[in-house]
Protein backbone atom coordinates (compact mmCIF):
# COMPACT_ATOMS: atom_id res chain seq x y z
CA UNK A 1 87.88 -17.82 -125.66
CA UNK A 2 84.33 -18.61 -124.58
CA UNK A 3 82.95 -16.32 -127.29
CA UNK A 4 85.11 -18.06 -129.95
CA UNK A 5 84.12 -21.48 -128.71
CA UNK A 6 80.42 -20.69 -128.79
CA UNK A 7 80.60 -19.11 -132.24
CA UNK A 8 82.48 -22.14 -133.58
CA UNK A 9 79.83 -24.52 -132.28
CA UNK A 10 76.77 -22.54 -133.32
CA UNK A 11 76.31 -21.68 -137.01
CA UNK A 12 75.17 -18.17 -137.90
CA UNK A 13 71.83 -19.43 -139.20
CA UNK A 14 71.11 -21.77 -136.29
CA UNK A 15 67.58 -21.23 -134.90
CA UNK A 16 67.65 -20.09 -131.30
CA UNK A 17 64.56 -19.39 -129.24
CA UNK A 18 64.18 -15.89 -127.82
CA UNK A 19 66.70 -13.24 -128.78
CA UNK A 20 69.71 -14.38 -130.78
CA UNK A 21 72.18 -13.00 -128.23
CA UNK A 22 74.99 -15.21 -129.50
CA UNK A 23 74.90 -14.00 -133.13
CA UNK A 24 78.20 -12.22 -133.96
CA UNK A 25 76.45 -8.99 -135.02
CA UNK A 26 74.69 -8.85 -131.65
CA UNK A 27 77.54 -9.78 -129.36
CA UNK A 28 78.74 -7.54 -126.59
CA UNK A 29 81.50 -6.06 -128.60
CA UNK A 30 79.47 -5.35 -131.75
CA UNK A 31 78.43 -1.80 -132.71
CA UNK A 32 74.73 -2.72 -132.79
CA UNK A 33 74.92 -4.10 -129.29
CA UNK A 34 76.74 -1.04 -128.04
CA UNK A 35 74.11 1.26 -129.54
CA UNK A 36 70.87 -0.60 -128.98
CA UNK A 37 71.68 -2.53 -125.83
CA UNK A 38 71.73 0.46 -123.44
CA UNK A 39 68.73 1.97 -125.21
CA UNK A 40 66.54 -1.09 -124.74
CA UNK A 41 67.79 -1.52 -121.20
CA UNK A 42 66.83 2.09 -120.50
CA UNK A 43 63.35 1.52 -121.93
CA UNK A 44 62.96 -1.64 -119.88
CA UNK A 45 63.87 0.19 -116.68
CA UNK A 46 61.34 2.92 -117.47
CA UNK A 47 58.58 0.38 -118.13
CA UNK A 48 59.38 -1.54 -114.95
CA UNK A 49 59.38 1.65 -112.91
CA UNK A 50 56.06 2.82 -114.37
CA UNK A 51 54.43 -0.57 -113.99
CA UNK A 52 55.61 -1.60 -110.53
CA UNK A 53 57.12 1.40 -108.71
CA UNK A 54 54.70 4.21 -109.54
CA UNK A 55 52.55 5.79 -106.78
CA UNK A 56 49.53 4.56 -108.76
CA UNK A 57 50.85 1.05 -109.45
CA UNK A 58 48.13 -0.45 -107.26
CA UNK A 59 45.35 1.09 -109.35
CA UNK A 60 43.82 -1.49 -111.73
CA UNK A 61 43.41 -0.88 -115.44
CA UNK A 62 44.49 -2.08 -118.89
CA UNK A 63 47.98 -3.65 -118.84
CA UNK A 64 49.24 -1.40 -121.65
CA UNK A 65 48.10 1.72 -119.79
CA UNK A 66 50.72 1.26 -117.08
CA UNK A 67 53.62 1.76 -119.53
CA UNK A 68 52.56 5.02 -121.22
CA UNK A 69 49.76 6.49 -123.30
CA UNK A 70 49.37 3.37 -125.46
CA UNK A 71 45.86 2.58 -124.31
CA UNK A 72 44.67 6.16 -124.80
CA UNK A 73 46.19 6.36 -128.29
CA UNK A 74 44.71 3.03 -129.32
CA UNK A 75 41.23 4.00 -128.11
CA UNK A 76 41.51 7.35 -129.92
CA UNK A 77 42.41 5.71 -133.22
CA UNK A 78 39.88 2.93 -132.85
CA UNK A 79 37.12 5.00 -131.24
CA UNK A 80 34.95 4.16 -128.27
CA UNK A 81 37.01 5.76 -125.49
CA UNK A 82 33.85 6.65 -123.56
CA UNK A 83 32.32 3.14 -123.75
CA UNK A 84 35.57 1.42 -122.86
CA UNK A 85 36.09 3.74 -119.88
CA UNK A 86 32.58 2.96 -118.63
CA UNK A 87 33.29 -0.77 -118.97
CA UNK A 88 36.57 -0.43 -117.07
CA UNK A 89 34.87 1.35 -114.18
CA UNK A 90 32.16 -1.27 -114.07
CA UNK A 91 34.89 -3.89 -113.83
CA UNK A 92 37.36 -2.22 -111.48
CA UNK A 93 35.34 0.32 -109.49
CA UNK A 94 35.90 4.02 -108.82
CA UNK A 95 39.59 4.14 -109.79
CA UNK A 96 40.98 3.02 -113.16
CA UNK A 97 44.54 3.58 -114.35
CA UNK A 98 44.39 4.74 -117.99
CA UNK A 99 48.04 5.77 -118.44
CA UNK A 100 51.33 5.57 -116.55
CA UNK A 101 50.44 8.81 -114.78
CA UNK A 102 46.66 9.21 -115.08
CA UNK A 103 43.77 7.75 -113.13
CA UNK A 104 40.14 8.01 -114.21
CA UNK A 105 37.77 8.51 -111.28
CA UNK A 106 34.16 7.41 -111.69
CA UNK A 107 32.71 8.55 -108.36
CA UNK A 108 30.58 11.74 -108.28
CA UNK A 109 32.71 13.16 -105.45
CA UNK A 110 35.38 13.75 -108.07
CA UNK A 111 33.27 16.49 -109.68
CA UNK A 112 33.68 18.77 -106.69
CA UNK A 113 37.15 17.56 -105.70
CA UNK A 114 38.67 17.88 -109.17
CA UNK A 115 36.55 20.00 -111.51
CA UNK A 116 35.02 22.57 -109.18
CA UNK A 117 38.24 22.96 -107.18
CA UNK A 118 40.84 25.30 -108.74
CA UNK A 119 43.33 22.57 -109.67
CA UNK A 120 45.76 22.85 -112.59
CA UNK A 121 44.55 21.24 -115.79
CA UNK A 122 46.36 18.30 -117.33
CA UNK A 123 49.12 19.15 -119.80
CA UNK A 124 46.99 17.61 -122.57
CA UNK A 125 44.98 20.85 -122.80
CA UNK A 126 47.98 22.80 -124.13
CA UNK A 127 47.45 21.45 -127.62
CA UNK A 128 44.31 23.60 -127.87
CA UNK A 129 46.51 26.71 -128.06
CA UNK A 130 46.16 27.13 -131.81
CA UNK A 131 48.07 27.58 -133.99
CA UNK A 132 50.90 27.38 -131.42
CA UNK A 133 51.89 28.34 -127.87
CA UNK A 134 52.03 32.05 -128.74
CA UNK A 135 48.21 32.11 -128.76
CA UNK A 136 47.27 30.84 -125.32
CA UNK A 137 43.51 30.76 -124.92
CA UNK A 138 41.50 29.99 -121.82
CA UNK A 139 40.95 26.39 -122.91
CA UNK A 140 44.67 25.78 -123.34
CA UNK A 141 45.72 27.68 -120.20
CA UNK A 142 46.71 25.17 -117.50
CA UNK A 143 47.13 27.47 -114.52
CA UNK A 144 43.74 28.11 -112.85
CA UNK A 145 44.59 31.68 -111.81
CA UNK A 146 45.71 32.72 -115.29
CA UNK A 147 42.75 30.85 -116.77
CA UNK A 148 40.34 32.85 -114.61
CA UNK A 149 42.02 36.10 -115.70
CA UNK A 150 41.68 35.16 -119.36
CA UNK A 151 38.09 34.08 -118.82
CA UNK A 152 37.32 37.45 -117.28
CA UNK A 153 38.60 39.15 -120.42
CA UNK A 154 36.38 37.20 -122.81
CA UNK A 155 33.39 36.70 -120.50
CA UNK A 156 31.37 39.69 -121.85
CA UNK A 157 31.24 38.07 -125.29
CA UNK A 158 29.85 34.81 -123.91
CA UNK A 159 27.40 36.38 -121.44
CA UNK A 160 23.79 35.43 -122.09
CA UNK A 161 22.87 39.12 -122.20
CA UNK A 162 25.16 39.47 -125.21
CA UNK A 163 24.41 36.11 -126.85
CA UNK A 164 20.65 36.74 -126.88
CA UNK A 165 21.21 39.86 -128.99
CA UNK A 166 22.20 37.56 -131.84
CA UNK A 167 18.90 35.68 -131.76
CA UNK A 168 17.51 37.34 -134.93
CA UNK A 169 20.55 36.07 -136.84
CA UNK A 170 20.13 32.59 -135.39
CA UNK A 171 16.55 32.83 -136.69
CA UNK A 172 17.89 33.55 -140.16
CA UNK A 173 20.15 30.49 -140.02
CA UNK A 174 17.20 28.32 -138.99
CA UNK A 175 15.06 29.70 -141.84
CA UNK A 176 17.85 28.91 -144.29
CA UNK A 177 18.15 25.38 -142.93
CA UNK A 178 14.40 24.84 -143.17
CA UNK A 179 14.39 26.08 -146.76
CA UNK A 180 17.12 23.59 -147.63
CA UNK A 181 15.28 20.75 -145.88
CA UNK A 182 12.13 21.72 -147.77
CA UNK A 183 13.96 21.38 -151.09
CA UNK A 184 15.33 17.99 -150.11
CA UNK A 185 11.82 16.94 -149.14
CA UNK A 186 10.39 18.04 -152.50
CA UNK A 187 13.11 16.16 -154.36
CA UNK A 188 12.61 13.11 -152.13
CA UNK A 189 16.32 13.15 -151.26
CA UNK A 190 17.97 11.80 -148.15
CA UNK A 191 19.07 14.18 -145.38
CA UNK A 192 22.46 13.74 -143.72
CA UNK A 193 21.95 15.54 -140.43
CA UNK A 194 25.59 14.99 -139.46
CA UNK A 195 26.41 17.52 -142.20
CA UNK A 196 23.51 19.96 -141.86
CA UNK A 197 23.76 20.29 -138.08
CA UNK A 198 27.50 20.86 -138.31
CA UNK A 199 26.98 23.55 -140.93
CA UNK A 200 24.30 25.10 -138.74
CA UNK A 201 26.81 25.28 -135.87
CA UNK A 202 29.49 26.86 -138.04
CA UNK A 203 27.17 29.50 -139.49
CA UNK A 204 25.89 30.59 -136.10
CA UNK A 205 29.43 30.84 -134.75
CA UNK A 206 30.16 33.15 -137.66
CA UNK A 207 27.16 35.33 -136.81
CA UNK A 208 27.80 35.65 -133.06
CA UNK A 209 31.57 35.98 -133.37
CA UNK A 210 32.10 38.02 -136.56
CA UNK A 211 28.60 39.33 -137.44
CA UNK A 212 28.61 37.23 -140.61
CA UNK A 213 27.58 33.70 -141.50
CA UNK A 214 30.18 31.48 -143.18
CA UNK A 215 27.61 30.40 -145.77
CA UNK A 216 27.58 26.65 -145.11
CA UNK A 217 23.79 26.42 -144.98
CA UNK A 218 23.19 28.69 -147.94
CA UNK A 219 25.60 26.78 -150.16
CA UNK A 220 24.71 23.41 -148.71
CA UNK A 221 28.31 22.23 -148.61
CA UNK A 222 31.48 22.07 -146.54
CA UNK A 223 32.95 25.46 -147.46
CA UNK A 224 36.72 25.23 -147.69
CA UNK A 225 36.64 21.66 -146.34
CA UNK A 226 36.48 23.16 -142.86
CA UNK A 227 34.47 20.29 -141.37
CA UNK A 228 36.74 17.66 -142.91
CA UNK A 229 39.86 19.43 -141.67
CA UNK A 230 38.40 19.81 -138.20
CA UNK A 231 37.89 16.04 -138.03
CA UNK A 232 41.57 15.48 -138.88
CA UNK A 233 42.63 18.05 -136.32
CA UNK A 234 40.53 16.35 -133.62
CA UNK A 235 42.46 13.09 -134.01
CA UNK A 236 45.75 14.99 -133.90
CA UNK A 237 44.76 16.84 -130.73
CA UNK A 238 43.77 13.67 -128.89
CA UNK A 239 47.05 11.92 -129.69
CA UNK A 240 49.64 14.70 -129.59
CA UNK A 241 48.08 16.32 -126.52
CA UNK A 242 49.62 13.50 -124.47
CA UNK A 243 53.10 14.17 -125.90
CA UNK A 244 52.93 17.92 -126.31
CA UNK A 245 56.67 18.31 -126.93
CA UNK A 246 56.10 16.72 -130.34
CA UNK A 247 53.72 19.54 -131.29
CA UNK A 248 56.63 21.94 -131.87
CA UNK A 249 58.07 19.48 -134.39
CA UNK A 250 54.74 18.83 -136.10
CA UNK A 251 51.86 21.30 -136.58
CA UNK A 252 53.60 24.08 -134.65
CA UNK A 253 56.69 23.72 -136.84
CA UNK A 254 57.20 26.84 -139.05
CA UNK A 255 58.04 24.57 -142.01
CA UNK A 256 54.49 23.19 -141.88
CA UNK A 257 53.18 26.69 -142.53
CA UNK A 258 55.66 27.24 -145.33
CA UNK A 259 54.37 24.25 -147.26
CA UNK A 260 50.73 24.79 -146.24
CA UNK A 261 50.48 21.33 -144.67
CA UNK A 262 48.90 22.25 -141.37
CA UNK A 263 45.27 20.99 -141.05
CA UNK A 264 44.64 23.68 -138.44
CA UNK A 265 45.52 26.41 -140.95
CA UNK A 266 41.94 26.40 -142.22
CA UNK A 267 40.81 27.61 -138.81
CA UNK A 268 43.41 30.37 -138.76
CA UNK A 269 42.61 31.38 -142.35
CA UNK A 270 38.88 31.32 -141.60
CA UNK A 271 39.35 33.61 -138.60
CA UNK A 272 41.61 36.06 -140.42
CA UNK A 273 39.26 36.21 -143.39
CA UNK A 274 36.24 36.74 -141.14
CA UNK A 275 37.98 39.45 -139.13
CA UNK A 276 39.07 41.18 -142.35
CA UNK A 277 35.55 41.02 -143.85
CA UNK A 278 34.10 42.28 -140.58
CA UNK A 279 36.46 45.26 -140.61
CA UNK A 280 35.72 46.15 -144.23
CA UNK A 281 31.95 45.81 -144.04
CA UNK A 282 31.46 48.49 -141.43
CA UNK A 283 28.29 46.67 -140.36
CA UNK A 284 29.68 44.84 -137.33
CA UNK A 285 27.24 44.40 -134.49
CA UNK A 286 27.84 44.04 -130.79
CA UNK A 287 29.25 40.59 -131.48
CA UNK A 288 31.88 38.72 -129.48
CA UNK A 289 34.78 40.38 -131.28
CA UNK A 290 33.35 43.81 -130.55
CA UNK A 291 32.90 42.93 -126.87
CA UNK A 292 36.49 41.71 -126.66
CA UNK A 293 37.81 44.81 -128.43
CA UNK A 294 36.01 46.99 -125.90
CA UNK A 295 37.50 45.00 -123.03
CA UNK A 296 40.93 45.34 -124.62
CA UNK A 297 40.46 49.13 -124.96
CA UNK A 298 39.37 49.45 -121.31
CA UNK A 299 42.00 47.11 -119.89
CA UNK A 300 45.06 47.06 -122.18
CA UNK A 301 47.20 46.10 -119.19
CA UNK A 302 45.41 42.77 -118.67
CA UNK A 303 44.27 41.76 -122.18
CA UNK A 304 46.60 41.36 -125.15
CA UNK A 305 45.54 41.85 -128.76
CA UNK A 306 46.31 38.22 -129.60
CA UNK A 307 43.76 37.04 -127.02
CA UNK A 308 41.03 38.22 -129.39
CA UNK A 309 42.32 35.97 -132.16
CA UNK A 310 42.78 33.14 -129.65
CA UNK A 311 39.14 33.47 -128.61
CA UNK A 312 38.00 33.36 -132.23
CA UNK A 313 40.07 30.24 -132.89
CA UNK A 314 38.56 28.41 -129.92
CA UNK A 315 35.04 29.27 -131.08
CA UNK A 316 35.57 28.01 -134.60
CA UNK A 317 37.60 24.98 -133.61
CA UNK A 318 35.37 23.62 -130.85
CA UNK A 319 31.87 25.01 -131.28
CA UNK A 320 30.32 23.26 -134.27
CA UNK A 321 31.09 19.61 -133.50
CA UNK A 322 29.54 19.76 -130.05
CA UNK A 323 26.31 21.30 -131.33
CA UNK A 324 26.08 18.77 -134.15
CA UNK A 325 26.57 15.93 -131.68
CA UNK A 326 23.87 17.22 -129.31
CA UNK A 327 21.33 17.91 -132.05
CA UNK A 328 21.86 14.53 -133.65
CA UNK A 329 21.47 12.83 -130.26
CA UNK A 330 18.18 14.67 -129.70
CA UNK A 331 16.56 13.64 -132.98
CA UNK A 332 18.12 10.20 -133.35
CA UNK A 333 17.00 8.99 -129.95
CA UNK A 334 13.67 10.85 -130.03
CA UNK A 335 12.53 9.20 -133.26
CA UNK A 336 13.85 5.77 -132.21
CA UNK A 337 12.43 5.73 -128.67
CA UNK A 338 8.73 4.77 -128.58
CA UNK A 339 6.49 7.62 -127.52
CA UNK A 340 9.15 10.32 -127.21
CA UNK A 341 8.72 12.03 -130.58
CA UNK A 342 4.92 11.84 -130.31
CA UNK A 343 5.08 13.50 -126.90
CA UNK A 344 7.35 16.21 -128.24
CA UNK A 345 5.05 16.79 -131.19
CA UNK A 346 1.99 16.95 -128.93
CA UNK A 347 3.59 19.54 -126.63
CA UNK A 348 4.82 21.75 -129.49
CA UNK A 349 1.59 21.51 -131.49
CA UNK A 350 -0.51 22.48 -128.49
CA UNK A 351 1.70 25.51 -127.86
CA UNK A 352 1.38 26.43 -131.54
CA UNK A 353 -2.41 26.10 -131.37
CA UNK A 354 -2.46 28.48 -128.40
CA UNK A 355 -0.49 31.04 -130.42
CA UNK A 356 2.53 30.80 -128.16
CA UNK A 357 5.17 30.09 -130.82
CA UNK A 358 6.76 32.39 -133.39
CA UNK A 359 7.58 31.48 -136.99
CA UNK A 360 10.99 30.48 -135.67
CA UNK A 361 10.52 29.47 -132.05
CA UNK A 362 12.23 31.97 -129.78
CA UNK A 363 14.55 31.00 -126.96
CA UNK A 364 12.10 32.31 -124.39
CA UNK A 365 9.19 30.39 -125.95
CA UNK A 366 11.21 27.16 -125.97
CA UNK A 367 11.80 27.43 -122.22
CA UNK A 368 8.03 27.02 -121.74
CA UNK A 369 8.13 23.58 -123.38
CA UNK A 370 9.08 21.34 -120.44
CA UNK A 371 9.18 18.03 -122.30
CA UNK A 372 11.34 19.55 -125.03
CA UNK A 373 13.78 20.82 -122.39
CA UNK A 374 13.74 17.42 -120.68
CA UNK A 375 14.60 15.74 -124.00
CA UNK A 376 17.46 18.18 -124.64
CA UNK A 377 18.86 17.47 -121.18
CA UNK A 378 18.49 13.73 -121.68
CA UNK A 379 20.29 13.97 -125.03
CA UNK A 380 23.18 15.78 -123.34
CA UNK A 381 23.27 13.13 -120.60
CA UNK A 382 22.86 10.04 -122.75
CA UNK A 383 25.16 11.12 -125.59
CA UNK A 384 27.44 13.76 -124.08
CA UNK A 385 29.29 15.58 -126.90
CA UNK A 386 32.64 15.24 -125.11
CA UNK A 387 33.75 11.62 -124.78
CA UNK A 388 37.13 12.19 -123.13
CA UNK A 389 37.94 12.70 -119.46
CA UNK A 390 38.56 16.16 -118.02
CA UNK A 391 42.10 15.89 -116.55
CA UNK A 392 43.39 17.75 -113.51
CA UNK A 393 46.76 17.52 -111.74
CA UNK A 394 47.18 16.76 -108.04
CA UNK A 395 48.56 19.93 -106.37
CA UNK A 396 51.45 20.36 -103.95
CA UNK A 397 50.84 18.11 -100.97
CA UNK A 398 48.67 15.82 -103.06
CA UNK A 399 44.94 15.26 -102.86
CA UNK A 400 42.73 12.69 -101.15
CA UNK A 401 39.59 11.36 -102.81
CA UNK A 402 37.47 8.57 -101.27
CA UNK A 403 40.20 7.96 -98.66
CA UNK A 404 42.78 7.39 -101.42
CA UNK A 405 45.72 9.79 -101.42
CA UNK A 406 47.30 10.80 -104.72
CA UNK A 407 50.68 12.57 -104.55
CA UNK A 408 51.57 15.78 -106.32
CA UNK A 409 51.79 15.52 -110.09
CA UNK A 410 49.43 12.59 -110.64
CA UNK A 411 46.83 13.33 -113.32
CA UNK A 412 43.24 12.60 -112.27
CA UNK A 413 40.36 12.78 -114.72
CA UNK A 414 36.57 12.63 -114.77
CA UNK A 415 34.87 11.25 -117.85
CA UNK A 416 31.33 12.73 -118.21
CA UNK A 417 30.04 9.54 -119.85
CA UNK A 418 31.01 7.54 -116.77
CA UNK A 419 29.21 9.96 -114.47
CA UNK A 420 26.14 10.28 -116.68
CA UNK A 421 25.66 6.49 -116.91
CA UNK A 422 25.90 6.04 -113.12
CA UNK A 423 22.74 4.18 -112.03
CA UNK A 424 23.01 5.43 -108.45
CA UNK A 425 22.71 8.99 -109.74
CA UNK A 426 20.34 8.67 -112.70
CA UNK A 427 18.35 5.54 -111.91
CA UNK A 428 18.43 1.87 -112.85
CA UNK A 429 17.55 2.86 -116.43
CA UNK A 430 20.61 5.11 -116.79
CA UNK A 431 21.59 3.13 -119.89
CA UNK A 432 18.24 3.94 -121.50
CA UNK A 433 17.21 7.18 -123.24
CA UNK A 434 14.32 8.42 -121.10
CA UNK A 435 13.40 12.16 -120.99
CA UNK A 436 10.71 11.40 -118.39
CA UNK A 437 13.38 11.17 -115.70
CA UNK A 438 13.65 14.98 -115.88
CA UNK A 439 9.92 15.66 -115.52
CA UNK A 440 9.96 15.24 -111.74
CA UNK A 441 11.18 18.62 -110.44
CA UNK A 442 12.70 17.32 -107.21
CA UNK A 443 14.48 14.45 -108.90
CA UNK A 444 15.71 16.74 -111.68
CA UNK A 445 17.14 19.14 -109.10
CA UNK A 446 19.16 16.32 -107.56
CA UNK A 447 20.37 14.93 -110.89
CA UNK A 448 21.42 18.38 -112.09
CA UNK A 449 24.20 18.31 -109.48
CA UNK A 450 25.91 15.61 -111.50
CA UNK A 451 25.30 16.86 -115.03
CA UNK A 452 28.61 17.92 -116.55
CA UNK A 453 28.12 17.99 -120.35
CA UNK A 454 29.85 21.39 -120.41
CA UNK A 455 32.35 20.58 -117.67
CA UNK A 456 32.30 22.22 -114.25
CA UNK A 457 34.14 24.82 -112.23
CA UNK A 458 36.50 27.41 -113.66
CA UNK A 459 36.97 25.45 -116.91
CA UNK A 460 33.26 25.12 -117.67
CA UNK A 461 32.51 25.70 -121.36
CA UNK A 462 32.04 29.48 -121.85
CA UNK A 463 29.77 28.89 -124.86
CA UNK A 464 27.10 26.94 -122.94
CA UNK A 465 24.55 29.79 -123.13
CA UNK A 466 24.91 29.98 -126.90
CA UNK A 467 24.72 26.19 -127.17
CA UNK A 468 21.49 26.03 -125.19
CA UNK A 469 19.92 28.73 -127.34
CA UNK A 470 20.92 26.91 -130.53
CA UNK A 471 19.53 23.62 -129.22
CA UNK A 472 16.26 25.01 -127.85
CA UNK A 473 15.32 27.05 -130.90
CA UNK A 474 16.17 24.53 -133.60
CA UNK A 475 14.71 21.44 -131.90
CA UNK A 476 11.37 23.15 -131.19
CA UNK A 477 11.11 24.59 -134.71
CA UNK A 478 12.00 21.37 -136.54
CA UNK A 479 9.73 19.19 -134.38
CA UNK A 480 6.82 21.47 -135.28
CA UNK A 481 7.61 21.95 -138.96
CA UNK A 482 8.89 18.58 -140.19
CA UNK A 483 8.20 14.88 -140.01
CA UNK A 484 11.54 13.11 -139.68
CA UNK A 485 12.04 9.38 -140.24
CA UNK A 486 15.10 7.23 -140.82
CA UNK A 487 15.51 5.74 -144.27
CA UNK A 488 16.23 2.45 -142.53
CA UNK A 489 14.71 2.48 -139.01
CA UNK A 490 16.84 -0.53 -138.04
CA UNK A 491 20.11 1.12 -139.01
CA UNK A 492 22.09 2.34 -136.00
CA UNK A 493 24.30 5.36 -136.23
CA UNK A 494 28.09 5.23 -135.89
CA UNK A 495 30.58 7.44 -134.14
CA UNK A 496 34.27 7.32 -133.22
CA UNK A 497 35.12 9.59 -130.35
CA UNK A 498 38.01 11.92 -131.17
CA UNK A 499 37.51 14.27 -128.22
CA UNK A 500 33.96 14.91 -129.44
CA UNK A 501 31.52 12.07 -130.10
CA UNK A 502 30.05 13.23 -133.43
CA UNK A 503 27.76 10.60 -135.01
CA UNK A 504 27.11 9.83 -138.67
CA UNK A 505 25.50 7.19 -140.85
CA UNK A 506 21.77 7.49 -140.12
CA UNK A 507 20.25 9.04 -143.28
CA UNK A 508 16.72 10.39 -142.96
CA UNK A 509 13.81 11.58 -145.04
CA UNK A 510 11.88 14.71 -144.06
CA UNK A 511 8.44 16.04 -144.93
CA UNK A 512 7.26 19.57 -144.25
CA UNK A 513 4.14 19.78 -142.10
CA UNK A 514 1.40 22.37 -141.95
CA UNK A 515 1.90 24.11 -138.65
CA UNK A 516 -0.43 22.89 -135.97
CA UNK A 517 -1.29 19.63 -137.73
């Protein structure tokens, strides 16, 4: 009776503020109400529970973060996760809630408590198991014990004693890059270092992993659109990693393979093609694949055949972007910071005049250039290639950090940008690019404790030795051999962090120098 009375007094098209709960199609007995009513009520209860009754409800942070991964997704799509996280810590302090179940910790004690300690990694890492969960690599392995076992299997390939054997082939890549830069200089053309440094990273990964360059530098182009596809994949990883169950319906779905729609297929195809070419050539060196095959032959009980492919996929998928980011940071900030590039040039030229440098500067020679090494370290601090937090999960019994207890299952992360911009650790000028901070040996020793550009603990980047060799050799050689200036010195670069913070948009002109001048 009440329902009929209300409907007779209120026309269907009458404007009602809020939700039109009295409309016939939305009344209690209507099908729409029966279907959607419980669903929205269920969502509301979940949101209320996450917002007000979670064990981390008292942690401050963005309002949207308390309901789910909305804040993280938005920052991924928009870019600037690292800068926004720094701003949130400056506003709220050491603890910031960045999702319904994750807290970012900005205090240096978190490095030891979370990263160095053998805690399980956040579920987000699983999405790095490419192309799907059958190929679990050490980056995508969440359990610390199993991760350590996998790392032991592939460690010989990443060992510095093995990486340094590839130095002659890194030299060849650098010579090819310099030849290409020389041609661009002669033609008075602009240089897009965001492309050339990425291609440099890809080609070296081909040499050290498969004994063969991919040919990016030689051809001067994105072979097979690998770089473009990697950029797409990076966005996917950052978003779907938070809802991993969707991965099986998306890129890990067999139908995606059938219609060749998977952006990660280029990585798989690249690896298979490289492995096939390596096998046919008969000229394979003691590269990473060879080291892993030997480990597999010696320990078939602990290392599966598919772990070799998994290792190759991780190299190709994650190695080039980080190197490009670091190299761009080195040159961009060096040429834009008064006095830095001149000091670099002075140090390198003096070493050249003393006959201490080879045609392509060797890794060992570059270690004797202290200001160069200080500038590399400052580039890694000031513009860390990884802009996302490193998540870990509170173990059974929970964990206490800075007198705050977090129960089992809460995700806790450390963002390297937050740590590296901490003024208590790196000085009042932590927001300024300043290689001189590393020239004081005692101060550098203390600051090194808090440098985590490659992570820390059991999940530290296995390719850090290769990365340092790539950085040291190329920076020293290019500083000596080329003048580099921005086309528009006032133009700032751009970057949107999709896991890696890879810049673009700062075109340069180069001019070859006579060595020692």
